[in-house]
Amino acid sequence: MKFLTAIEKTGNKLPDPASLFVIGTIVVFILSAIISSLGWSIVDPKGNTIGAFNLISSDGIWWLLSSMVNNFIRFPPLGIVLVGMLGIGLSEKTGFLPALLQFCITHVHQRLLTPATMLLGILSSIALDAGYVVLIPVAAVLYIAAGRSPLTGIAVAFAGVSAGFSANLFITALDPLLAGFTQAGAQIIDADYQVAVTGNWWFMIVSTIVLTLTGWFITERIVEPSIEGVANQNLNDSVVELGQFEKRALFYSILSGIVLLIIFYFAITLSNGPLFGTGKRFDRWIEVTVPLLFIIFFVPGLIYGMLVKKIKNDSDVTEILSEVIARLAPYIVMAFFAAQFIAAFNQSGLGQMLAIAGGQFLRDLMVHDAFLLSCFVLMAVVINLVIGSSSAKYAFFAPVFVPMLMQVGISPELTQAAYRVGDSVSNVITPMNPYMIIILMEVKKYVRGSGLGTVVAMMLPYTLAFLVVWLLLLILWIWTGLPLGPGGALSYQM
């Protein structure tokens, strides 16, 4: 508990993520002036000499002022996240995704309750925070109905929702967000490099299956035996079933989603279809994954909202979408300052110098890629204990580690996959998880006198097991040489 308290105090003392990027930009400006005045330079693999550009000079200040707007507008993660989130946000606000989640979990056979809860928890990242708000309390009640401890239900659901956050069977809002940061980092070395939103898809599909099975084993063998019989309060809770009205709306919404998938299939496979063939770099459907993501969530969400009377006219749609954008306001603010930090880091030449020097250092170490990525994963795990925001951490990591690891032949997509592993597994034990308060409230509901220590002790086996198994899966994947997803190579050739 002293260790957790120290982590919480340290995290609370850190500035807001937007402020961190302001501080980072100021540091880049100062370093560029110092390194430029010292005349330091480095020779890249092509024999070109790269030095630092003094951002505090007259030309540097002019560059900042003249490019500030474009830095923000052209920031890769900005537009794709906003577009994707409009569709997903509408589906959540109208109640379609929470209803779908609740329907699935309440129609599962008791013998499969644990793996089904774990799987739905992992898949719930599609539905923003619906996994925390809907799945976790419902899982607790379902475990009571099955004659099992509600704490087991909370633990299983929390492990899936939070520790398995980065995995999924489908493309989620996280994929375009991370791909944008990865692309910005990769372009420090290769200005024309493009990162596909689907670059980690195959790996995440397999990860979902592996983590579901791992979580099932850990629950049955370790977690449930250790907490069996602990809960002693509120054991008469019951799940509020969806009414016939909601079920009917859910049916037609799902049907519309299936119809859309069929349309997309023919648009991709027919020779005269709009998504058939190759685009600028990837297949056409890969390059428009985000608009497709928007449509596949927007249409079912719209139909559900209309049928349950949450949407009565076009003004209601506009109001809901405005709420979605308002909810993204902190991300937009952070994106503005992150864009300036990454652009300054690139313009100063420090990004290239650090990548080349760091890459040369890594080459001289003569260590295997698996070891490098394992160290990177462990670093992400530790940092995640202090900084909860996935996007904020990766916005700092990507400009440094993506180009550096490219120097030793590790693709940006592989670096991104490794980050996703480290960023997820410790979510269930860090006090910096913004949803930890929800978990504490649920646990206190069933166990008097419980606290953060109760939750951490319950969730630590999942963190350790997921870390070991997921890391081994990543190493095995590298050994097989299979692509991480459509457009997701394992290696990069300078």
Protein backbone atom coordinates (compact mmCIF):
# COMPACT_ATOMS: atom_id res chain seq x y z
CA MET A 1 0.00 0.00 0.00
CA LYS A 2 2.92 2.36 0.64
CA PHE A 3 4.15 1.65 -2.89
CA LEU A 4 0.70 2.34 -4.36
CA THR A 5 0.36 5.51 -2.30
CA ALA A 6 3.74 6.70 -3.61
CA ILE A 7 2.63 6.03 -7.18
CA GLU A 8 -0.61 7.93 -6.63
CA LYS A 9 1.14 10.93 -5.07
CA THR A 10 3.73 11.01 -7.85
CA GLY A 11 1.07 10.82 -10.54
CA ASN A 12 -1.02 13.55 -8.93
CA LYS A 13 1.98 15.87 -8.85
CA LEU A 14 2.53 15.58 -12.60
CA PRO A 15 1.15 18.42 -14.73
CA ASP A 16 -1.80 17.94 -17.04
CA PRO A 17 -0.84 16.12 -20.30
CA ALA A 18 -1.32 19.34 -22.30
CA SER A 19 1.05 21.13 -19.92
CA LEU A 20 3.57 18.31 -20.27
CA PHE A 21 3.67 18.92 -24.03
CA VAL A 22 4.14 22.67 -23.49
CA ILE A 23 7.06 21.91 -21.17
CA GLY A 24 8.41 19.39 -23.69
CA THR A 25 8.25 21.96 -26.49
CA ILE A 26 10.12 24.53 -24.38
CA VAL A 27 12.80 21.94 -23.60
CA VAL A 28 13.15 21.15 -27.33
CA PHE A 29 13.61 24.87 -28.10
CA ILE A 30 16.31 25.24 -25.42
CA LEU A 31 18.15 22.05 -26.45
CA SER A 32 18.07 23.05 -30.12
CA ALA A 33 19.75 26.35 -29.25
CA ILE A 34 22.42 24.71 -27.07
CA ILE A 35 23.26 21.90 -29.51
CA SER A 36 23.27 24.29 -32.47
CA SER A 37 25.63 26.70 -30.70
CA LEU A 38 27.98 23.83 -29.83
CA GLY A 39 28.04 22.79 -33.48
CA TRP A 40 27.20 19.16 -32.78
CA SER A 41 26.15 17.05 -35.74
CA ILE A 42 25.72 13.41 -36.72
CA VAL A 43 26.15 11.47 -39.96
CA ASP A 44 23.20 9.35 -41.10
CA PRO A 45 23.55 5.95 -42.84
CA LYS A 46 23.46 7.69 -46.24
CA GLY A 47 26.45 9.84 -45.34
CA ASN A 48 24.48 13.07 -44.84
CA THR A 49 25.47 15.36 -41.98
CA ILE A 50 22.56 16.33 -39.73
CA GLY A 51 22.81 19.20 -37.27
CA ALA A 52 20.38 21.01 -34.99
CA PHE A 53 18.24 23.93 -36.12
CA ASN A 54 18.13 26.70 -33.52
CA LEU A 55 14.44 27.22 -32.81
CA ILE A 56 15.14 30.24 -30.60
CA SER A 57 16.69 32.09 -33.53
CA SER A 58 14.76 34.58 -35.65
CA ASP A 59 14.10 31.91 -38.30
CA GLY A 60 13.04 29.46 -35.62
CA ILE A 61 10.46 31.81 -34.08
CA TRP A 62 9.15 32.61 -37.59
CA TRP A 63 8.84 28.89 -38.30
CA LEU A 64 6.79 28.32 -35.14
CA LEU A 65 4.39 31.19 -35.78
CA SER A 66 3.96 30.48 -39.49
CA SER A 67 3.42 26.74 -39.08
CA MET A 68 1.46 26.57 -35.83
CA VAL A 69 -1.95 26.28 -37.49
CA ASN A 70 -0.76 23.73 -40.07
CA ASN A 71 0.97 21.70 -37.36
CA PHE A 72 -2.41 21.29 -35.68
CA ILE A 73 -4.55 20.80 -38.80
CA ARG A 74 -2.18 18.23 -40.32
CA PHE A 75 -1.62 16.36 -37.05
CA PRO A 76 -2.33 12.74 -38.16
CA PRO A 77 -4.27 11.51 -35.09
CA LEU A 78 -6.62 14.51 -34.98
CA GLY A 79 -8.98 14.13 -37.94
CA ILE A 80 -9.12 10.35 -37.97
CA VAL A 81 -9.98 10.15 -34.28
CA LEU A 82 -12.70 12.79 -34.52
CA VAL A 83 -14.32 11.10 -37.52
CA GLY A 84 -14.22 7.64 -35.99
CA MET A 85 -15.48 8.84 -32.62
CA LEU A 86 -18.53 10.55 -34.12
CA GLY A 87 -19.94 7.19 -35.18
CA ILE A 88 -18.91 5.32 -32.04
CA GLY A 89 -20.08 8.16 -29.79
CA LEU A 90 -23.52 8.23 -31.39
CA SER A 91 -23.89 4.47 -30.88
CA GLU A 92 -23.00 4.85 -27.21
CA LYS A 93 -25.13 7.94 -26.54
CA THR A 94 -28.26 6.44 -28.08
CA GLY A 95 -27.78 3.33 -25.94
CA PHE A 96 -27.10 0.88 -28.78
CA LEU A 97 -23.67 -0.31 -27.61
CA PRO A 98 -24.59 -0.56 -23.88
CA ALA A 99 -27.76 -2.48 -24.82
CA LEU A 100 -25.79 -4.82 -27.08
CA LEU A 101 -23.28 -5.44 -24.29
CA GLN A 102 -25.98 -6.12 -21.71
CA PHE A 103 -27.94 -8.41 -24.02
CA CYS A 104 -24.86 -10.51 -24.77
CA ILE A 105 -23.75 -10.95 -21.16
CA THR A 106 -27.25 -11.83 -19.89
CA HIS A 107 -27.73 -14.60 -22.48
CA VAL A 108 -24.67 -16.67 -21.65
CA HIS A 109 -24.70 -20.20 -20.21
CA GLN A 110 -23.39 -20.32 -16.63
CA ARG A 111 -20.55 -22.68 -17.53
CA LEU A 112 -19.24 -20.13 -20.02
CA LEU A 113 -19.85 -17.11 -17.82
CA THR A 114 -16.17 -16.42 -17.11
CA PRO A 115 -14.78 -16.64 -20.67
CA ALA A 116 -17.82 -14.79 -22.05
CA THR A 117 -17.43 -11.99 -19.51
CA MET A 118 -13.70 -11.76 -20.21
CA LEU A 119 -14.27 -11.66 -23.98
CA LEU A 120 -17.03 -9.06 -23.75
CA GLY A 121 -14.81 -6.99 -21.47
CA ILE A 122 -12.05 -6.97 -24.07
CA LEU A 123 -14.52 -6.19 -26.88
CA SER A 124 -16.15 -3.41 -24.84
CA SER A 125 -13.35 -0.97 -25.74
CA ILE A 126 -15.41 -0.38 -28.89
CA ALA A 127 -18.09 1.15 -26.68
CA LEU A 128 -15.88 3.72 -24.93
CA ASP A 129 -16.64 3.51 -21.17
CA ALA A 130 -19.73 1.27 -21.48
CA GLY A 131 -17.64 -1.67 -20.29
CA TYR A 132 -17.01 0.06 -16.96
CA VAL A 133 -20.51 1.49 -16.55
CA VAL A 134 -22.56 -1.49 -17.82
CA LEU A 135 -20.56 -4.71 -17.94
CA ILE A 136 -18.84 -4.63 -14.53
CA PRO A 137 -21.94 -4.12 -12.34
CA VAL A 138 -24.00 -6.53 -14.48
CA ALA A 139 -21.26 -9.19 -14.23
CA ALA A 140 -21.29 -8.91 -10.43
CA VAL A 141 -25.05 -9.58 -10.31
CA LEU A 142 -24.84 -12.46 -12.80
CA TYR A 143 -22.18 -14.17 -10.68
CA ILE A 144 -24.46 -13.83 -7.65
CA ALA A 145 -27.26 -15.48 -9.63
CA ALA A 146 -24.86 -18.30 -10.51
CA GLY A 147 -24.06 -18.86 -6.83
CA ARG A 148 -20.59 -17.34 -7.12
CA SER A 149 -18.92 -14.34 -5.51
CA PRO A 150 -19.77 -10.98 -7.10
CA LEU A 151 -16.10 -10.04 -6.64
CA THR A 152 -15.23 -12.72 -9.19
CA GLY A 153 -17.57 -11.09 -11.68
CA ILE A 154 -16.07 -7.67 -11.00
CA ALA A 155 -12.52 -9.04 -11.33
CA VAL A 156 -13.19 -10.86 -14.61
CA ALA A 157 -15.01 -7.93 -16.20
CA PHE A 158 -12.41 -5.39 -15.01
CA ALA A 159 -9.55 -7.54 -16.31
CA GLY A 160 -11.16 -7.78 -19.74
CA VAL A 161 -12.20 -4.14 -19.98
CA SER A 162 -8.97 -2.62 -18.67
CA ALA A 163 -6.04 -5.07 -18.82
CA GLY A 164 -7.16 -6.25 -22.26
CA PHE A 165 -7.99 -2.74 -23.40
CA SER A 166 -5.73 -2.70 -26.49
CA ALA A 167 -6.87 -6.06 -27.85
CA ASN A 168 -10.05 -6.54 -29.88
CA LEU A 169 -11.57 -8.54 -32.69
CA PHE A 170 -12.53 -5.30 -34.43
CA ILE A 171 -10.94 -1.98 -35.32
CA THR A 172 -11.68 0.49 -32.51
CA ALA A 173 -11.08 4.19 -31.92
CA LEU A 174 -7.70 3.31 -30.40
CA ASP A 175 -6.31 2.02 -33.72
CA PRO A 176 -6.49 5.31 -35.66
CA LEU A 177 -5.33 7.22 -32.58
CA LEU A 178 -2.13 5.18 -32.17
CA ALA A 179 -1.57 4.88 -35.93
CA GLY A 180 -1.54 8.67 -36.21
CA PHE A 181 1.13 9.05 -33.52
CA THR A 182 3.14 6.18 -35.02
CA GLN A 183 3.03 7.76 -38.47
CA ALA A 184 4.18 11.12 -37.10
CA GLY A 185 7.11 9.40 -35.39
CA ALA A 186 8.03 7.33 -38.44
CA GLN A 187 8.08 10.41 -40.68
CA ILE A 188 10.95 11.83 -38.66
CA ILE A 189 13.08 9.26 -40.48
CA ASP A 190 10.98 8.55 -43.58
CA ALA A 191 8.88 11.54 -44.65
CA ASP A 192 6.67 9.45 -46.93
CA TYR A 193 5.94 6.64 -44.46
CA GLN A 194 2.26 5.80 -43.96
CA VAL A 195 0.86 3.70 -41.11
CA ALA A 196 -2.33 1.76 -41.82
CA VAL A 197 -5.07 1.87 -39.20
CA THR A 198 -5.29 -1.92 -39.63
CA GLY A 199 -1.55 -2.40 -39.04
CA ASN A 200 -2.01 -4.38 -35.79
CA TRP A 201 -5.35 -6.05 -36.55
CA TRP A 202 -4.31 -9.71 -36.95
CA PHE A 203 -2.14 -9.55 -33.84
CA MET A 204 -4.96 -7.99 -31.80
CA ILE A 205 -7.46 -10.63 -32.95
CA VAL A 206 -5.18 -13.44 -31.78
CA SER A 207 -4.40 -11.47 -28.61
CA THR A 208 -8.12 -11.30 -27.81
CA ILE A 209 -8.46 -15.07 -27.98
CA VAL A 210 -5.26 -15.73 -26.02
CA LEU A 211 -6.11 -13.23 -23.28
CA THR A 212 -9.64 -14.61 -22.95
CA LEU A 213 -8.27 -18.10 -22.36
CA THR A 214 -5.55 -16.80 -20.03
CA GLY A 215 -8.05 -14.79 -18.00
CA TRP A 216 -10.35 -17.81 -17.76
CA PHE A 217 -7.51 -19.97 -16.40
CA ILE A 218 -6.30 -17.33 -13.92
CA THR A 219 -9.85 -16.78 -12.66
CA GLU A 220 -10.64 -20.45 -12.11
CA ARG A 221 -7.28 -21.45 -10.62
CA ILE A 222 -6.11 -18.38 -8.69
CA VAL A 223 -8.52 -15.45 -8.34
CA GLU A 224 -11.84 -17.14 -7.54
CA PRO A 225 -10.44 -19.57 -4.93
CA SER A 226 -8.75 -16.67 -3.15
CA ILE A 227 -11.87 -14.48 -2.88
CA GLU A 228 -14.60 -17.10 -2.61
CA GLY A 229 -17.01 -16.24 0.18
CA VAL A 230 -15.56 -12.77 0.83
CA ALA A 231 -18.61 -10.76 -0.27
CA ASN A 232 -21.41 -10.63 2.25
CA GLN A 233 -23.61 -7.68 1.33
CA ASN A 234 -26.24 -6.77 -1.26
CA LEU A 235 -26.48 -10.29 -2.60
CA ASN A 236 -30.11 -9.79 -3.61
CA ASP A 237 -29.31 -7.48 -6.51
CA SER A 238 -30.84 -8.40 -9.86
CA VAL A 239 -30.20 -7.44 -13.47
CA VAL A 240 -32.75 -5.18 -15.13
CA GLU A 241 -33.53 -6.99 -18.38
CA LEU A 242 -33.96 -5.11 -21.63
CA GLY A 243 -37.63 -4.58 -22.43
CA GLN A 244 -39.28 -5.86 -25.59
CA PHE A 245 -39.12 -2.35 -26.99
CA GLU A 246 -35.34 -2.18 -26.54
CA LYS A 247 -34.88 -5.74 -27.83
CA ARG A 248 -36.82 -4.92 -30.98
CA ALA A 249 -34.71 -1.79 -31.54
CA LEU A 250 -31.55 -3.79 -30.90
CA PHE A 251 -32.59 -6.44 -33.45
CA TYR A 252 -33.14 -3.93 -36.25
CA SER A 253 -29.94 -2.05 -35.39
CA ILE A 254 -27.87 -5.24 -35.55
CA LEU A 255 -29.60 -6.18 -38.79
CA SER A 256 -28.62 -2.82 -40.31
CA GLY A 257 -25.01 -3.45 -39.27
CA ILE A 258 -25.03 -6.85 -40.97
CA VAL A 259 -26.46 -5.29 -44.15
CA LEU A 260 -23.71 -2.67 -44.11
CA LEU A 261 -21.03 -5.34 -43.74
CA ILE A 262 -22.45 -7.19 -46.76
CA ILE A 263 -22.43 -3.97 -48.78
CA PHE A 264 -18.82 -3.29 -47.76
CA TYR A 265 -17.86 -6.84 -48.72
CA PHE A 266 -19.17 -6.46 -52.27
CA ALA A 267 -17.68 -2.95 -52.55
CA ILE A 268 -14.27 -4.47 -51.73
CA THR A 269 -14.45 -7.69 -53.76
CA LEU A 270 -16.29 -6.70 -56.96
CA SER A 271 -13.94 -5.52 -59.70
CA ASN A 272 -15.99 -2.37 -60.32
CA GLY A 273 -16.59 -1.71 -56.62
CA PRO A 274 -15.44 1.62 -55.14
CA LEU A 275 -13.19 -0.14 -52.59
CA PHE A 276 -11.68 -2.70 -54.97
CA GLY A 277 -7.97 -2.46 -55.80
CA THR A 278 -5.00 -0.56 -54.41
CA GLY A 279 -4.94 3.04 -53.25
CA LYS A 280 -1.90 5.27 -52.77
CA ARG A 281 -0.04 2.71 -50.67
CA PHE A 282 -2.44 0.11 -49.22
CA ASP A 283 -5.60 -1.55 -50.48
CA ARG A 284 -8.41 0.98 -50.85
CA TRP A 285 -10.50 -0.43 -48.01
CA ILE A 286 -7.55 -0.17 -45.65
CA GLU A 287 -7.03 3.50 -46.51
CA VAL A 288 -10.69 4.29 -45.74
CA THR A 289 -10.99 2.19 -42.59
CA VAL A 290 -11.89 5.21 -40.44
CA PRO A 291 -14.82 6.37 -42.64
CA LEU A 292 -16.03 2.76 -42.75
CA LEU A 293 -15.75 2.63 -38.95
CA PHE A 294 -17.83 5.80 -38.74
CA ILE A 295 -20.59 4.38 -40.97
CA ILE A 296 -20.74 0.92 -39.34
CA PHE A 297 -21.39 2.50 -35.93
CA PHE A 298 -23.34 5.60 -36.97
CA VAL A 299 -26.12 3.83 -38.88
CA PRO A 300 -27.04 1.17 -36.23
CA GLY A 301 -26.75 3.83 -33.50
CA LEU A 302 -29.04 6.15 -35.45
CA ILE A 303 -31.64 3.41 -36.03
CA TYR A 304 -31.57 2.35 -32.37
CA GLY A 305 -31.94 5.95 -31.21
CA MET A 306 -34.92 6.51 -33.52
CA LEU A 307 -36.67 3.31 -32.44
CA VAL A 308 -36.26 3.97 -28.70
CA LYS A 309 -37.30 7.61 -29.24
CA LYS A 310 -33.99 9.11 -28.15
CA ILE A 311 -33.77 10.63 -31.62
CA LYS A 312 -36.97 12.34 -32.77
CA ASN A 313 -35.54 14.73 -35.36
CA ASP A 314 -32.31 15.89 -36.95
CA SER A 315 -31.71 18.37 -34.13
CA ASP A 316 -31.39 15.47 -31.69
CA VAL A 317 -28.67 13.92 -33.87
CA THR A 318 -26.78 17.21 -33.97
CA GLU A 319 -27.11 17.59 -30.21
CA ILE A 320 -25.77 14.08 -29.56
CA LEU A 321 -22.83 14.56 -31.92
CA SER A 322 -22.10 17.91 -30.25
CA GLU A 323 -21.97 16.11 -26.90
CA VAL A 324 -19.54 13.58 -28.39
CA ILE A 325 -17.24 16.36 -29.64
CA ALA A 326 -17.53 18.18 -26.30
CA ARG A 327 -16.42 15.00 -24.58
CA LEU A 328 -13.38 14.96 -26.85
CA ALA A 329 -12.44 18.54 -25.93
CA PRO A 330 -9.59 17.50 -23.58
CA TYR A 331 -8.14 15.33 -26.35
CA ILE A 332 -8.38 18.18 -28.89
CA VAL A 333 -6.58 20.53 -26.50
CA MET A 334 -3.88 17.94 -25.85
CA ALA A 335 -3.59 17.26 -29.60
CA PHE A 336 -2.87 20.93 -30.31
CA PHE A 337 0.09 21.05 -27.94
CA ALA A 338 1.25 17.54 -28.87
CA ALA A 339 1.27 18.61 -32.53
CA GLN A 340 3.52 21.58 -31.73
CA PHE A 341 5.86 19.37 -29.65
CA ILE A 342 6.26 16.73 -32.38
CA ALA A 343 6.65 19.35 -35.14
CA ALA A 344 9.29 21.23 -33.13
CA PHE A 345 11.09 17.99 -32.30
CA ASN A 346 11.20 17.19 -36.01
CA GLN A 347 12.08 20.70 -37.25
CA SER A 348 14.91 21.07 -34.75
CA GLY A 349 16.66 18.00 -36.13
CA LEU A 350 16.87 16.57 -32.62
CA GLY A 351 14.50 13.77 -33.57
CA GLN A 352 16.72 12.59 -36.40
CA MET A 353 19.90 13.01 -34.37
CA LEU A 354 18.47 11.06 -31.43
CA ALA A 355 17.06 8.34 -33.68
CA ILE A 356 20.34 7.85 -35.55
CA ALA A 357 22.51 7.98 -32.42
CA GLY A 358 20.12 5.75 -30.49
CA GLY A 359 19.83 3.35 -33.40
CA GLN A 360 23.60 3.10 -33.70
CA PHE A 361 23.85 2.46 -29.97
CA LEU A 362 21.26 -0.32 -30.20
CA ARG A 363 23.07 -1.86 -33.19
CA ASP A 364 26.33 -1.83 -31.26
CA LEU A 365 24.65 -3.70 -28.40
CA MET A 366 24.05 -6.61 -30.79
CA VAL A 367 20.87 -7.70 -28.97
CA HIS A 368 17.87 -9.46 -30.48
CA ASP A 369 14.76 -7.52 -31.48
CA ALA A 370 12.70 -9.53 -29.01
CA PHE A 371 14.86 -8.31 -26.13
CA LEU A 372 14.62 -4.67 -27.25
CA LEU A 373 10.86 -4.86 -27.53
CA SER A 374 10.57 -6.65 -24.18
CA CYS A 375 12.44 -3.78 -22.52
CA PHE A 376 10.16 -1.30 -24.30
CA VAL A 377 7.06 -3.17 -23.09
CA LEU A 378 8.31 -3.20 -19.49
CA MET A 379 9.06 0.52 -19.67
CA ALA A 380 5.50 1.18 -20.87
CA VAL A 381 4.17 -0.92 -17.98
CA VAL A 382 6.09 1.13 -15.41
CA ILE A 383 5.23 4.53 -16.92
CA ASN A 384 1.57 3.49 -17.08
CA LEU A 385 1.54 3.27 -13.29
CA VAL A 386 2.18 7.02 -13.12
CA ILE A 387 0.61 8.43 -16.31
CA GLY A 388 -2.80 6.95 -17.05
CA SER A 389 -3.53 8.53 -20.42
CA SER A 390 -2.65 6.13 -23.25
CA SER A 391 -2.57 8.85 -25.90
CA ALA A 392 -0.44 11.22 -23.80
CA LYS A 393 2.19 8.55 -23.11
CA TYR A 394 2.40 7.44 -26.71
CA ALA A 395 2.57 11.02 -27.99
CA PHE A 396 5.85 11.26 -26.05
CA PHE A 397 7.05 7.74 -26.85
CA ALA A 398 6.37 7.65 -30.59
CA PRO A 399 8.67 10.51 -31.75
CA VAL A 400 11.57 8.96 -29.83
CA PHE A 401 11.21 5.19 -29.99
CA VAL A 402 9.50 4.67 -33.36
CA PRO A 403 12.33 6.25 -35.43
CA MET A 404 15.01 4.87 -33.10
CA LEU A 405 13.80 1.29 -33.50
CA MET A 406 13.38 1.82 -37.24
CA GLN A 407 17.17 2.27 -37.31
CA VAL A 408 17.61 -1.34 -36.21
CA GLY A 409 15.01 -2.71 -38.60
CA ILE A 410 11.95 -2.78 -36.32
CA SER A 411 8.87 -1.52 -38.12
CA PRO A 412 6.75 1.31 -36.67
CA GLU A 413 3.79 -1.06 -36.57
CA LEU A 414 5.73 -3.53 -34.41
CA THR A 415 6.77 -0.78 -32.01
CA GLN A 416 3.12 0.26 -31.79
CA ALA A 417 2.03 -3.32 -31.04
CA ALA A 418 4.63 -3.59 -28.27
CA TYR A 419 3.40 -0.34 -26.75
CA ARG A 420 -0.16 -1.63 -26.75
CA VAL A 421 0.90 -4.65 -24.71
CA GLY A 422 2.70 -2.62 -22.05
CA ASP A 423 0.07 0.09 -21.89
CA SER A 424 -2.79 -2.33 -21.17
CA VAL A 425 -1.70 -4.93 -18.65
CA SER A 426 -1.07 -2.61 -15.68
CA ASN A 427 -4.31 -0.61 -16.08
CA VAL A 428 -6.01 -2.74 -13.42
CA ILE A 429 -3.48 -1.98 -10.67
CA THR A 430 -2.61 1.68 -11.23
CA PRO A 431 -4.28 4.35 -9.09
CA MET A 432 -3.98 6.62 -12.14
CA ASN A 433 -6.70 4.69 -13.96
CA PRO A 434 -9.52 7.27 -14.14
CA TYR A 435 -12.10 4.47 -13.83
CA MET A 436 -10.58 2.99 -10.67
CA ILE A 437 -13.13 4.88 -8.57
CA ILE A 438 -15.95 2.96 -10.31
CA ILE A 439 -14.31 -0.35 -9.41
CA LEU A 440 -13.77 0.72 -5.81
CA MET A 441 -17.44 1.69 -5.51
CA GLU A 442 -18.55 -1.68 -6.86
CA VAL A 443 -16.25 -3.62 -4.51
CA LYS A 444 -17.32 -1.54 -1.49
CA LYS A 445 -20.92 -2.35 -2.41
CA TYR A 446 -20.26 -6.01 -1.58
CA VAL A 447 -17.37 -5.91 0.91
CA ARG A 448 -17.41 -3.55 3.87
CA GLY A 449 -14.09 -1.85 4.61
CA SER A 450 -12.50 -2.68 1.24
CA GLY A 451 -10.22 -0.26 -0.58
CA LEU A 452 -7.55 0.09 -3.23
CA GLY A 453 -5.48 -2.69 -1.65
CA THR A 454 -8.40 -5.09 -2.05
CA VAL A 455 -8.69 -4.30 -5.74
CA VAL A 456 -4.95 -4.49 -6.43
CA ALA A 457 -4.58 -7.82 -4.62
CA MET A 458 -7.50 -9.17 -6.63
CA MET A 459 -6.23 -7.88 -9.98
CA LEU A 460 -2.46 -8.40 -9.69
CA PRO A 461 -2.60 -12.03 -10.94
CA TYR A 462 -4.22 -10.80 -14.17
CA THR A 463 -1.53 -8.15 -14.68
CA LEU A 464 1.33 -10.63 -14.24
CA ALA A 465 -0.28 -13.37 -16.33
CA PHE A 466 -1.32 -11.03 -19.15
CA LEU A 467 2.14 -9.46 -19.24
CA VAL A 468 3.96 -12.79 -19.54
CA VAL A 469 1.54 -14.42 -21.98
CA TRP A 470 1.06 -11.36 -24.18
CA LEU A 471 4.78 -10.68 -24.36
CA LEU A 472 5.46 -14.31 -25.28
CA LEU A 473 2.80 -14.04 -27.99
CA LEU A 474 4.52 -10.96 -29.39
CA ILE A 475 7.90 -12.71 -29.43
CA LEU A 476 6.37 -15.80 -31.05
CA TRP A 477 4.74 -13.58 -33.67
CA ILE A 478 8.10 -12.03 -34.52
CA TRP A 479 9.57 -15.51 -34.87
CA THR A 480 6.84 -16.61 -37.29
CA GLY A 481 7.41 -13.61 -39.55
CA LEU A 482 3.67 -13.10 -40.08
CA PRO A 483 2.41 -9.55 -40.70
CA LEU A 484 0.78 -7.86 -37.70
CA GLY A 485 -2.21 -6.94 -39.82
CA PRO A 486 -3.12 -5.56 -43.26
CA GLY A 487 -0.31 -3.15 -44.01
CA GLY A 488 1.53 -4.06 -40.81
CA ALA A 489 5.03 -5.37 -41.59
CA LEU A 490 7.38 -6.59 -38.88
CA SER A 491 10.58 -5.07 -40.23
CA TYR A 492 11.73 -1.82 -41.79
CA GLN A 493 14.51 -1.43 -44.31
CA MET A 494 16.41 1.86 -44.22
